[in-house]
Amino acid sequence: SKNAWRRRFAAVTAAGLNQKGRRFPAEALGVCVHLLNDPDPLVRKSVAWAIREVAIVDATTARQFVSKHARAMHPSVLKQTGR
């Protein structure tokens, strides 16, 4: 979307996919991959949050995702994911 709030909503929703007993890491990362280098800092912050939530339920998948997409990620996302 051209609307930053819609992109942020998508990333926040992706974070929620792995909270409160839910486990949908592939779906969450499928949303995040499109927003890794978003121009809006709030969207990038939400993406990092979603990746951290994936790491809580599936650390290996999150680590592989970050390694695979590190070059495409905005530096702030990479930093916030703990890499």
Protein backbone atom coordinates (compact mmCIF):
# COMPACT_ATOMS: atom_id res chain seq x y z
CA SER A 1 0.00 0.00 0.00
CA LYS A 2 1.08 3.58 -0.51
CA ASN A 3 -0.44 4.34 2.88
CA ALA A 4 2.17 3.99 5.66
CA TRP A 5 -0.52 3.29 8.27
CA ARG A 6 -1.79 0.31 6.30
CA ARG A 7 1.74 -1.05 5.96
CA ARG A 8 2.30 -0.56 9.68
CA PHE A 9 -1.00 -2.28 10.46
CA ALA A 10 0.11 -5.25 8.36
CA ALA A 11 3.40 -5.52 10.26
CA VAL A 12 1.72 -5.18 13.67
CA THR A 13 -0.80 -7.84 12.68
CA ALA A 14 2.11 -10.07 11.66
CA ALA A 15 3.57 -9.62 15.14
CA GLY A 16 0.25 -10.70 16.64
CA LEU A 17 0.34 -13.95 14.69
CA ASN A 18 2.90 -15.28 17.17
CA GLN A 19 1.47 -14.06 20.45
CA LYS A 20 -0.92 -15.54 23.01
CA GLY A 21 -0.22 -19.13 22.05
CA ARG A 22 -0.48 -18.61 18.32
CA ARG A 23 2.33 -19.97 16.12
CA PHE A 24 2.36 -18.74 12.55
CA PRO A 25 5.99 -17.84 11.85
CA ALA A 26 5.88 -18.46 8.09
CA GLU A 27 2.84 -16.25 7.62
CA ALA A 28 4.32 -13.45 9.74
CA LEU A 29 7.62 -13.52 7.87
CA GLY A 30 5.71 -13.60 4.58
CA VAL A 31 4.32 -10.18 5.48
CA CYS A 32 7.64 -8.87 6.80
CA VAL A 33 9.62 -9.74 3.69
CA HIS A 34 7.74 -7.05 1.74
CA LEU A 35 8.45 -4.35 4.33
CA LEU A 36 12.11 -4.92 5.25
CA ASN A 37 13.32 -1.68 3.71
CA ASP A 38 10.21 0.46 4.12
CA PRO A 39 10.81 4.22 4.03
CA ASP A 40 8.70 4.82 7.15
CA PRO A 41 10.54 4.30 10.47
CA LEU A 42 7.37 3.24 12.29
CA VAL A 43 6.73 0.51 9.72
CA ARG A 44 10.33 -0.71 10.09
CA LYS A 45 9.94 -0.74 13.87
CA SER A 46 6.80 -2.87 13.53
CA VAL A 47 8.59 -5.26 11.17
CA ALA A 48 11.40 -5.73 13.68
CA TRP A 49 8.82 -6.38 16.38
CA ALA A 50 7.15 -9.04 14.22
CA ILE A 51 10.50 -10.73 13.59
CA ARG A 52 11.28 -10.73 17.33
CA GLU A 53 7.89 -12.31 18.02
CA VAL A 54 8.70 -15.04 15.50
CA ALA A 55 12.01 -15.60 17.29
CA ILE A 56 10.14 -16.28 20.53
CA VAL A 57 8.19 -19.18 19.02
CA ASP A 58 10.74 -20.37 16.44
CA ALA A 59 14.23 -18.98 16.92
CA THR A 60 15.77 -21.05 14.13
CA THR A 61 13.32 -19.82 11.52
CA ALA A 62 13.77 -16.21 12.61
CA ARG A 63 17.56 -16.52 12.55
CA GLN A 64 17.48 -18.07 9.06
CA PHE A 65 15.13 -15.34 7.82
CA VAL A 66 17.36 -12.56 9.13
CA SER A 67 20.48 -14.18 7.67
CA LYS A 68 18.84 -14.68 4.29
CA HIS A 69 17.44 -11.14 4.06
CA ALA A 70 20.10 -9.16 5.93
CA ARG A 71 21.27 -7.34 2.78
CA ALA A 72 17.73 -6.26 1.92
CA MET A 73 16.92 -5.05 5.44
CA HIS A 74 17.13 -1.46 6.47
CA PRO A 75 19.93 -1.15 9.06
CA SER A 76 17.43 -0.11 11.75
CA VAL A 77 15.44 -3.34 11.27
CA LEU A 78 18.61 -5.40 11.44
CA LYS A 79 19.70 -3.63 14.62
CA GLN A 80 16.30 -3.99 16.31
CA THR A 81 16.15 -7.72 15.58
CA GLY A 82 19.29 -8.19 17.62
CA ARG A 83 21.71 -9.02 14.87
